[in-house]
Amino acid sequence: MGAVTHDRSGTRRRGIWATPTGDARTASVAVFITFFLSGFNFSGWAARLPAVRDALGFSPNKMGVLLLLAAIGSLLALPMSGVVVQWLGARRTVQVSAGLNTAGLVLASVGVALGSVWLTGIGLSIYGIGTGVWDAAMNLEGAAAEQLLGRSMMPRYHAGFSFGTVTGAGLGAAAAALGVPVIAHLGIALTVSLAVVLFATRHFLPEGTHDAHPDDARGVRGAAKAFNAWGESRTLLIGLVVLAAALTEGSANDWVSLAVVDGFGTSNAVGAVAFAVFVTAMTGMRLLGTGLLDRWGRVLVLRLCAALSLVGLLVFALAPTLWLATVGVVAWGMGAALGFPVGMSAAADDPRRAPARIAVVSTIGYSAFLAGPPLLGMLAEQVGYRHALLAILAPVVIGLFVMHAARPLPGTALAGVVPLDPAVAPGLADVADRTGEPDHN
């Protein structure tokens, strides 16, 4: 039975945790669309990297340095993302950061067209800043929506990101095949994407959902309190879970196709198919994730995923035949699917502290994209791509031992007890007050 609250007219209402409301369902769809478009923008640029390399005349090492600029931009912006969301609200934060994401990629595309390395680098730095804040804000909105719905929806939102990457990559491949310039392709695609983001975010949860508690929102002192999450052991342990998941997923994004091509002497097309198999397995597991998490809980499902990752990586790295390595890729993709979204949900268990904690967990997770590719690349030069990927086993094992930190906090929506006390969840309690159903008792 949901907690009873009162609206401003004095009418008694039952908390919406008991029955999902139209507002929460609509917001959930809007969050899914926002995730989709984030993936669409990312893969649209990634699909044109060969053309970027050719236009700038870059070697692989120089391309690696160029791409690091986006990761650095994200890492610099993420620690402040929680404060920004509490200041602007998730809706405006996503709108502004999506604008930066779009402007950065368009500027980078102009740099490519002009052959200007500096302009391209500046554009990617802006893109990285926008992407990092966008990511944190939409995860925060998704966490609030899933708490209102009382279901583990975050894996489905991240599946939306995967669908977006597939769509963006397909459009990018078609543009490349037709000889469409990078600036024309991305200029049109990203403009449409931004317009849809601006429309979708209008259906986010009401303003005030992510407001800081009054005690935490007083000037400079309040802003400083946002960084206290860096001293919370549970938040840092969740960050390690997300870091392991990000390394597991990111290593496949960067290296699985190359590992198949070089390890088995196959064509680039076969390498691309191996990557598609990984993405498909990961997306499928994310679609299944809501049901699995609701039935078995976070910790058990995360341990299952870690086991799948370990088995998949071992099989892929040591398999003597391509077909067996492909089986490993499937297990690897399934294992990599849920750590990141579940970590975001766990960081947001307490709505009052969610913005600061998601900022911490996102920052730790994104560091994988900064450190992982160059370290694996150096190792691959010594032992080959497939054997280099065995290094990912270490963070997966570490994550396995700290997964208990992701267990839902007592008294939260996904733990089965729903508080609507404004002192605990001020924004969400207000949403419940406005959208709950009448109490006929």
Protein backbone atom coordinates (compact mmCIF):
# COMPACT_ATOMS: atom_id res chain seq x y z
CA MET A 1 0.00 0.00 0.00
CA GLY A 2 1.47 3.34 -1.02
CA ALA A 3 2.16 6.08 1.47
CA VAL A 4 -0.60 8.68 1.79
CA THR A 5 0.17 12.33 1.06
CA HIS A 6 -1.86 15.51 0.59
CA ASP A 7 -1.93 17.85 -2.38
CA ARG A 8 -2.27 21.63 -2.10
CA SER A 9 -6.07 21.47 -2.15
CA GLY A 10 -6.09 19.17 0.87
CA THR A 11 -7.17 16.06 -1.08
CA ARG A 12 -5.64 12.88 0.30
CA ARG A 13 -3.65 10.91 -2.30
CA ARG A 14 -1.84 7.59 -2.34
CA GLY A 15 1.83 7.57 -3.38
CA ILE A 16 2.41 6.68 -7.01
CA TRP A 17 4.88 3.97 -6.08
CA ALA A 18 1.90 1.61 -5.84
CA THR A 19 0.56 2.38 -9.32
CA PRO A 20 2.78 3.74 -12.15
CA THR A 21 1.42 7.03 -13.42
CA GLY A 22 1.17 8.54 -16.88
CA ASP A 23 3.80 11.12 -15.96
CA ALA A 24 6.33 8.45 -15.01
CA ARG A 25 5.61 6.29 -18.06
CA THR A 26 5.85 9.26 -20.41
CA ALA A 27 9.08 10.37 -18.77
CA SER A 28 10.42 6.82 -19.13
CA VAL A 29 9.80 6.88 -22.89
CA ALA A 30 11.43 10.31 -23.11
CA VAL A 31 14.50 8.99 -21.26
CA PHE A 32 14.73 6.03 -23.66
CA ILE A 33 14.66 8.40 -26.64
CA THR A 34 17.34 10.56 -25.04
CA PHE A 35 19.60 7.55 -24.53
CA PHE A 36 18.97 6.47 -28.13
CA LEU A 37 20.01 9.86 -29.49
CA SER A 38 23.14 9.98 -27.34
CA GLY A 39 24.22 6.69 -28.89
CA PHE A 40 23.18 7.91 -32.33
CA ASN A 41 25.39 11.00 -32.10
CA PHE A 42 28.37 9.04 -30.80
CA SER A 43 28.29 6.36 -33.48
CA GLY A 44 27.61 8.84 -36.27
CA TRP A 45 31.00 10.42 -35.54
CA ALA A 46 32.71 7.08 -34.84
CA ALA A 47 31.55 5.65 -38.17
CA ARG A 48 33.31 8.47 -40.05
CA LEU A 49 36.68 8.15 -38.29
CA PRO A 50 38.37 6.62 -41.35
CA ALA A 51 37.37 9.71 -43.34
CA VAL A 52 38.58 11.95 -40.49
CA ARG A 53 41.93 10.16 -40.43
CA ASP A 54 42.35 10.49 -44.19
CA ALA A 55 41.37 14.16 -44.25
CA LEU A 56 43.83 15.05 -41.48
CA GLY A 57 46.53 12.64 -42.66
CA PHE A 58 46.89 11.15 -39.19
CA SER A 59 48.78 8.05 -38.09
CA PRO A 60 47.13 5.65 -35.60
CA ASN A 61 49.05 7.24 -32.71
CA LYS A 62 47.90 10.75 -33.64
CA MET A 63 44.31 9.55 -34.00
CA GLY A 64 44.51 8.06 -30.52
CA VAL A 65 45.68 11.38 -29.07
CA LEU A 66 42.94 13.25 -30.94
CA LEU A 67 40.22 10.96 -29.62
CA LEU A 68 41.53 11.28 -26.06
CA LEU A 69 40.50 14.94 -26.12
CA ALA A 70 36.83 13.94 -25.97
CA ALA A 71 37.47 11.60 -23.01
CA ILE A 72 39.40 14.31 -21.19
CA GLY A 73 36.58 16.80 -21.76
CA SER A 74 34.07 14.35 -20.26
CA LEU A 75 36.24 13.61 -17.23
CA LEU A 76 36.72 17.31 -16.52
CA ALA A 77 32.98 18.00 -16.72
CA LEU A 78 31.56 14.98 -14.91
CA PRO A 79 32.55 15.89 -11.31
CA MET A 80 30.42 19.05 -11.56
CA SER A 81 27.49 17.40 -13.34
CA GLY A 82 25.54 16.75 -10.13
CA VAL A 83 25.72 20.41 -9.11
CA VAL A 84 24.66 21.47 -12.61
CA VAL A 85 21.61 19.17 -12.54
CA GLN A 86 20.53 20.49 -9.14
CA TRP A 87 20.98 24.04 -10.43
CA LEU A 88 19.34 23.72 -13.86
CA GLY A 89 17.23 20.58 -13.47
CA ALA A 90 17.67 17.43 -15.58
CA ARG A 91 15.59 18.80 -18.44
CA ARG A 92 17.59 21.94 -19.06
CA THR A 93 20.87 20.18 -18.30
CA VAL A 94 20.22 17.60 -21.03
CA GLN A 95 19.11 20.33 -23.43
CA VAL A 96 22.22 22.45 -22.85
CA SER A 97 24.65 19.51 -22.82
CA ALA A 98 23.09 17.99 -25.96
CA GLY A 99 23.59 21.40 -27.59
CA LEU A 100 27.27 21.31 -26.59
CA ASN A 101 27.54 17.74 -27.86
CA THR A 102 26.08 18.76 -31.22
CA ALA A 103 28.03 22.01 -31.52
CA GLY A 104 31.27 20.22 -30.67
CA LEU A 105 30.84 17.55 -33.32
CA VAL A 106 29.78 20.07 -35.95
CA LEU A 107 32.82 22.20 -35.13
CA ALA A 108 35.04 19.12 -35.34
CA SER A 109 33.49 18.31 -38.73
CA VAL A 110 34.24 21.82 -39.95
CA GLY A 111 37.82 21.31 -38.77
CA VAL A 112 37.99 18.08 -40.78
CA ALA A 113 36.66 19.83 -43.88
CA LEU A 114 39.26 22.60 -43.50
CA GLY A 115 42.05 20.20 -42.59
CA SER A 116 42.48 22.03 -39.28
CA VAL A 117 43.75 19.83 -36.46
CA TRP A 118 43.28 22.56 -33.85
CA LEU A 119 39.67 23.23 -34.80
CA THR A 120 38.91 19.53 -34.80
CA GLY A 121 40.53 19.14 -31.37
CA ILE A 122 38.61 22.07 -29.87
CA GLY A 123 35.38 20.65 -31.26
CA LEU A 124 36.04 17.22 -29.75
CA SER A 125 36.83 18.78 -26.36
CA ILE A 126 33.48 20.62 -26.40
CA TYR A 127 31.79 17.42 -27.53
CA GLY A 128 33.37 15.54 -24.60
CA ILE A 129 32.14 18.11 -22.07
CA GLY A 130 28.61 17.98 -23.46
CA THR A 131 28.61 14.18 -23.66
CA GLY A 132 29.75 13.68 -20.05
CA VAL A 133 27.14 15.99 -18.53
CA TRP A 134 24.42 14.67 -20.87
CA ASP A 135 25.24 11.12 -19.78
CA ALA A 136 25.07 11.91 -16.06
CA ALA A 137 21.85 13.94 -16.37
CA MET A 138 19.94 11.38 -18.42
CA ASN A 139 21.04 8.59 -16.04
CA LEU A 140 19.77 10.67 -13.13
CA GLU A 141 16.43 11.25 -14.85
CA GLY A 142 16.24 7.55 -15.72
CA ALA A 143 16.89 6.58 -12.10
CA ALA A 144 14.08 8.87 -10.91
CA ALA A 145 11.69 7.45 -13.52
CA GLU A 146 12.45 3.84 -12.62
CA GLN A 147 11.95 4.60 -8.92
CA LEU A 148 8.55 6.08 -9.67
CA LEU A 149 7.66 3.05 -11.80
CA GLY A 150 9.01 0.65 -9.17
CA ARG A 151 10.88 -1.43 -11.78
CA SER A 152 14.52 -1.81 -12.82
CA MET A 153 14.24 0.14 -16.07
CA MET A 154 17.83 1.35 -16.40
CA PRO A 155 19.01 -1.61 -18.52
CA ARG A 156 16.31 -0.82 -21.07
CA TYR A 157 17.43 2.80 -21.25
CA HIS A 158 20.99 1.64 -21.92
CA ALA A 159 19.63 -0.76 -24.55
CA GLY A 160 18.23 2.40 -26.16
CA PHE A 161 21.78 3.75 -26.32
CA SER A 162 22.86 0.52 -28.03
CA PHE A 163 20.04 0.79 -30.57
CA GLY A 164 21.11 4.37 -31.21
CA THR A 165 24.70 3.31 -31.89
CA VAL A 166 23.54 0.71 -34.40
CA THR A 167 21.31 3.25 -36.18
CA GLY A 168 23.97 5.95 -36.23
CA ALA A 169 26.62 3.54 -37.45
CA GLY A 170 24.34 2.31 -40.22
CA LEU A 171 23.61 5.85 -41.36
CA GLY A 172 27.30 6.70 -41.18
CA ALA A 173 28.24 3.65 -43.23
CA ALA A 174 25.67 4.61 -45.87
CA ALA A 175 26.95 8.20 -45.96
CA ALA A 176 30.52 6.95 -46.35
CA ALA A 177 29.54 4.56 -49.15
CA LEU A 178 27.79 7.40 -51.00
CA GLY A 179 30.76 9.72 -50.55
CA VAL A 180 28.82 12.25 -48.46
CA PRO A 181 31.23 14.69 -46.76
CA VAL A 182 31.50 14.37 -42.98
CA ILE A 183 30.25 17.93 -42.43
CA ALA A 184 27.14 17.36 -44.56
CA HIS A 185 26.32 14.02 -42.97
CA LEU A 186 26.79 15.10 -39.36
CA GLY A 187 25.45 18.62 -39.87
CA ILE A 188 22.07 17.26 -40.97
CA ALA A 189 21.91 14.18 -38.71
CA LEU A 190 22.93 16.03 -35.54
CA THR A 191 20.56 18.94 -36.16
CA VAL A 192 17.64 16.53 -36.41
CA SER A 193 18.88 14.68 -33.32
CA LEU A 194 19.07 17.88 -31.27
CA ALA A 195 15.55 18.88 -32.31
CA VAL A 196 14.21 15.53 -31.10
CA VAL A 197 16.14 15.85 -27.81
CA LEU A 198 14.59 19.26 -27.19
CA PHE A 199 11.14 17.80 -27.82
CA ALA A 200 11.65 14.62 -25.77
CA THR A 201 12.99 16.42 -22.71
CA ARG A 202 9.77 18.43 -22.50
CA HIS A 203 8.25 15.19 -21.20
CA PHE A 204 10.77 14.64 -18.41
CA LEU A 205 9.54 14.54 -14.83
CA PRO A 206 8.36 17.88 -13.40
CA GLU A 207 10.90 20.54 -12.48
CA GLY A 208 12.08 20.15 -8.91
CA THR A 209 12.39 16.35 -9.08
CA HIS A 210 16.16 16.55 -8.59
CA ASP A 211 16.27 19.56 -6.28
CA ALA A 212 18.77 19.40 -3.45
CA HIS A 213 17.48 19.17 0.08
CA PRO A 214 17.29 22.72 1.55
CA ASP A 215 20.11 21.90 3.97
CA ASP A 216 22.37 20.95 1.03
CA ALA A 217 21.62 23.85 -1.29
CA ARG A 218 22.93 26.94 0.46
CA GLY A 219 25.49 28.76 -1.63
CA VAL A 220 29.11 27.73 -1.73
CA ARG A 221 28.74 25.48 1.29
CA GLY A 222 25.99 23.56 -0.47
CA ALA A 223 28.07 23.18 -3.62
CA ALA A 224 30.98 21.89 -1.55
CA LYS A 225 28.71 19.28 0.04
CA ALA A 226 28.15 17.80 -3.41
CA PHE A 227 31.75 16.59 -3.34
CA ASN A 228 31.29 14.72 -0.04
CA ALA A 229 30.17 11.72 -2.09
CA TRP A 230 33.83 11.17 -2.99
CA GLY A 231 34.36 10.11 0.62
CA GLU A 232 31.50 7.58 0.76
CA SER A 233 32.74 3.98 0.68
CA ARG A 234 29.55 2.58 -0.87
CA THR A 235 29.61 5.14 -3.69
CA LEU A 236 33.28 4.41 -4.44
CA LEU A 237 32.67 0.65 -4.45
CA ILE A 238 29.77 1.13 -6.89
CA GLY A 239 32.19 3.18 -8.97
CA LEU A 240 34.54 0.16 -9.09
CA VAL A 241 31.66 -2.02 -10.33
CA VAL A 242 30.94 0.52 -13.07
CA LEU A 243 34.65 0.84 -13.89
CA ALA A 244 34.94 -2.92 -14.40
CA ALA A 245 31.84 -2.90 -16.61
CA ALA A 246 33.10 0.06 -18.63
CA LEU A 247 36.46 -1.62 -19.20
CA THR A 248 34.73 -4.86 -20.22
CA GLU A 249 32.47 -3.06 -22.69
CA GLY A 250 35.00 -0.49 -23.90
CA SER A 251 37.69 -3.07 -24.62
CA ALA A 252 35.32 -4.83 -27.00
CA ASN A 253 34.30 -1.58 -28.68
CA ASP A 254 37.96 -0.75 -29.32
CA TRP A 255 39.62 -4.10 -29.95
CA VAL A 256 37.34 -7.07 -30.66
CA SER A 257 37.22 -6.52 -34.44
CA LEU A 258 40.99 -6.03 -34.64
CA ALA A 259 41.56 -9.06 -32.41
CA VAL A 260 39.49 -11.25 -34.74
CA VAL A 261 41.18 -9.95 -37.89
CA ASP A 262 44.73 -10.30 -36.59
CA GLY A 263 44.17 -13.32 -34.37
CA PHE A 264 42.50 -15.49 -36.96
CA GLY A 265 43.77 -13.93 -40.20
CA THR A 266 40.28 -12.98 -41.39
CA SER A 267 38.98 -10.03 -43.38
CA ASN A 268 37.89 -6.67 -42.01
CA ALA A 269 34.28 -7.66 -42.77
CA VAL A 270 34.52 -10.68 -40.46
CA GLY A 271 35.99 -8.43 -37.76
CA ALA A 272 33.01 -6.11 -38.16
CA VAL A 273 30.65 -9.07 -37.81
CA ALA A 274 32.36 -10.06 -34.55
CA PHE A 275 31.76 -6.57 -33.18
CA ALA A 276 28.12 -6.74 -34.32
CA VAL A 277 27.75 -10.05 -32.46
CA PHE A 278 29.07 -8.42 -29.28
CA VAL A 279 26.71 -5.43 -29.55
CA THR A 280 23.74 -7.69 -30.29
CA ALA A 281 24.47 -9.92 -27.27
CA MET A 282 24.89 -6.90 -25.01
CA THR A 283 21.71 -5.23 -26.25
CA GLY A 284 19.70 -8.44 -25.86
CA MET A 285 20.88 -8.87 -22.28
CA ARG A 286 19.94 -5.28 -21.50
CA LEU A 287 16.43 -5.91 -22.79
CA LEU A 288 16.22 -8.98 -20.54
CA GLY A 289 17.80 -7.11 -17.63
CA THR A 290 14.63 -5.53 -16.25
CA GLY A 291 12.94 -8.89 -15.72
CA LEU A 292 16.06 -10.53 -14.34
CA LEU A 293 16.75 -7.71 -11.88
CA ASP A 294 13.15 -7.48 -10.71
CA ARG A 295 13.07 -11.23 -10.05
CA TRP A 296 16.56 -12.00 -8.74
CA GLY A 297 17.90 -8.69 -7.49
CA ARG A 298 20.97 -6.65 -8.36
CA VAL A 299 23.75 -8.56 -6.63
CA LEU A 300 22.93 -12.02 -7.99
CA VAL A 301 22.42 -10.72 -11.54
CA LEU A 302 25.65 -8.71 -11.42
CA ARG A 303 27.57 -11.77 -10.27
CA LEU A 304 26.06 -13.77 -13.12
CA CYS A 305 27.19 -11.07 -15.54
CA ALA A 306 30.70 -11.07 -14.08
CA ALA A 307 30.89 -14.84 -14.49
CA LEU A 308 29.75 -14.54 -18.11
CA SER A 309 32.39 -11.87 -18.74
CA LEU A 310 35.14 -14.03 -17.25
CA VAL A 311 34.15 -17.08 -19.26
CA GLY A 312 33.63 -15.09 -22.44
CA LEU A 313 37.00 -13.31 -22.25
CA LEU A 314 38.84 -16.53 -21.50
CA VAL A 315 37.18 -18.41 -24.35
CA PHE A 316 37.72 -15.55 -26.82
CA ALA A 317 41.39 -15.09 -25.90
CA LEU A 318 42.33 -18.78 -25.86
CA ALA A 319 39.98 -20.42 -28.37
CA PRO A 320 41.78 -22.24 -31.20
CA THR A 321 38.97 -21.67 -33.71
CA LEU A 322 36.94 -18.67 -34.81
CA TRP A 323 33.55 -20.26 -34.14
CA LEU A 324 34.49 -21.00 -30.55
CA ALA A 325 35.87 -17.48 -30.12
CA THR A 326 32.51 -16.19 -31.38
CA VAL A 327 30.77 -18.12 -28.60
CA GLY A 328 33.10 -16.31 -26.22
CA VAL A 329 32.10 -12.97 -27.76
CA VAL A 330 28.43 -13.74 -27.06
CA ALA A 331 29.13 -14.51 -23.39
CA TRP A 332 31.40 -11.46 -23.16
CA GLY A 333 28.68 -9.18 -24.57
CA MET A 334 26.04 -10.55 -22.21
CA GLY A 335 28.37 -10.17 -19.25
CA ALA A 336 29.21 -6.56 -20.10
CA ALA A 337 25.59 -5.51 -20.40
CA LEU A 338 24.31 -4.64 -16.94
CA GLY A 339 27.16 -3.36 -14.76
CA PHE A 340 26.98 0.23 -15.98
CA PRO A 341 23.17 0.70 -15.84
CA VAL A 342 22.79 -1.12 -12.52
CA GLY A 343 25.62 0.95 -11.04
CA MET A 344 23.78 4.13 -12.02
CA SER A 345 20.59 2.87 -10.40
CA ALA A 346 22.45 1.96 -7.22
CA ALA A 347 24.11 5.38 -7.04
CA ALA A 348 20.66 6.99 -7.23
CA ASP A 349 18.94 4.90 -4.54
CA ASP A 350 18.69 7.91 -2.25
CA PRO A 351 17.16 10.69 -4.40
CA ARG A 352 18.47 13.36 -2.03
CA ARG A 353 22.10 12.38 -2.79
CA ALA A 354 21.59 11.00 -6.31
CA PRO A 355 23.07 13.89 -8.37
CA ALA A 356 26.36 13.94 -6.44
CA ARG A 357 26.69 10.16 -6.33
CA ILE A 358 25.94 9.66 -10.02
CA ALA A 359 28.57 12.31 -10.79
CA VAL A 360 31.15 10.32 -8.79
CA VAL A 361 30.23 6.94 -10.28
CA SER A 362 30.15 8.36 -13.83
CA THR A 363 33.55 9.97 -13.39
CA ILE A 364 35.09 6.71 -12.18
CA GLY A 365 33.43 4.78 -15.00
CA TYR A 366 34.50 7.20 -17.70
CA SER A 367 38.12 6.93 -16.59
CA ALA A 368 38.05 3.48 -18.22
CA PHE A 369 37.63 5.11 -21.62
CA LEU A 370 40.63 7.33 -20.92
CA ALA A 371 43.07 4.73 -19.59
CA GLY A 372 41.84 1.49 -21.14
CA PRO A 373 42.57 1.95 -24.88
CA PRO A 374 46.20 3.13 -24.63
CA LEU A 375 47.12 0.53 -21.97
CA LEU A 376 45.61 -2.34 -23.93
CA GLY A 377 47.20 -1.00 -27.10
CA MET A 378 50.67 -1.06 -25.55
CA LEU A 379 50.09 -4.56 -24.18
CA ALA A 380 48.82 -5.76 -27.56
CA GLU A 381 52.10 -4.73 -29.19
CA GLN A 382 53.84 -7.26 -26.93
CA VAL A 383 51.43 -10.22 -26.80
CA GLY A 384 48.84 -9.61 -29.52
CA TYR A 385 45.29 -8.28 -29.35
CA ARG A 386 43.54 -11.43 -28.13
CA HIS A 387 45.93 -12.19 -25.29
CA ALA A 388 46.09 -8.51 -24.29
CA LEU A 389 42.36 -8.65 -23.55
CA LEU A 390 43.04 -11.13 -20.75
CA ALA A 391 44.12 -8.10 -18.72
CA ILE A 392 40.43 -7.18 -18.40
CA LEU A 393 39.96 -10.24 -16.18
CA ALA A 394 41.59 -8.39 -13.28
CA PRO A 395 39.06 -5.54 -12.94
CA VAL A 396 36.19 -7.99 -13.52
CA VAL A 397 37.37 -10.11 -10.58
CA ILE A 398 37.78 -7.02 -8.41
CA GLY A 399 34.26 -5.92 -9.34
CA LEU A 400 32.98 -9.37 -8.42
CA PHE A 401 34.16 -8.93 -4.83
CA VAL A 402 32.55 -5.49 -4.32
CA MET A 403 29.18 -6.08 -5.99
CA HIS A 404 27.45 -6.27 -2.63
CA ALA A 405 27.67 -2.47 -2.59
CA ALA A 406 25.00 -2.32 -5.32
CA ARG A 407 22.36 -3.85 -3.05
CA PRO A 408 19.39 -1.41 -2.81
CA LEU A 409 19.45 0.83 0.24
CA PRO A 410 16.82 -0.04 2.87
CA GLY A 411 13.66 2.01 2.52
CA THR A 412 14.08 2.83 -1.18
CA ALA A 413 11.67 2.15 -4.03
CA LEU A 414 13.56 -0.79 -5.53
CA ALA A 415 14.11 -2.33 -2.10
CA GLY A 416 10.35 -2.78 -1.80
CA VAL A 417 9.65 0.03 0.71
CA VAL A 418 8.81 3.42 -0.70
CA PRO A 419 9.38 6.57 1.32
CA LEU A 420 7.54 9.71 0.37
CA ASP A 421 8.93 11.72 3.25
CA PRO A 422 10.10 15.02 1.74
CA ALA A 423 13.09 14.97 4.09
CA VAL A 424 14.32 11.84 2.28
CA ALA A 425 13.19 12.42 -1.31
CA PRO A 426 11.96 16.01 -1.66
CA GLY A 427 11.57 16.13 -5.43
CA LEU A 428 10.12 12.67 -5.92
CA ALA A 429 7.74 13.07 -3.00
CA ASP A 430 6.41 16.23 -4.63
CA VAL A 431 5.93 14.42 -7.96
CA ALA A 432 4.07 11.67 -6.13
CA ASP A 433 1.93 14.26 -4.39
CA ARG A 434 0.94 15.79 -7.71
CA THR A 435 0.39 12.61 -9.71
CA GLY A 436 -0.83 10.03 -7.22
CA GLU A 437 -4.27 8.44 -7.35
CA PRO A 438 -7.02 9.32 -4.85
CA ASP A 439 -7.21 7.41 -1.61
CA HIS A 440 -10.72 6.07 -1.14
CA ASN A 441 -10.16 4.76 2.39
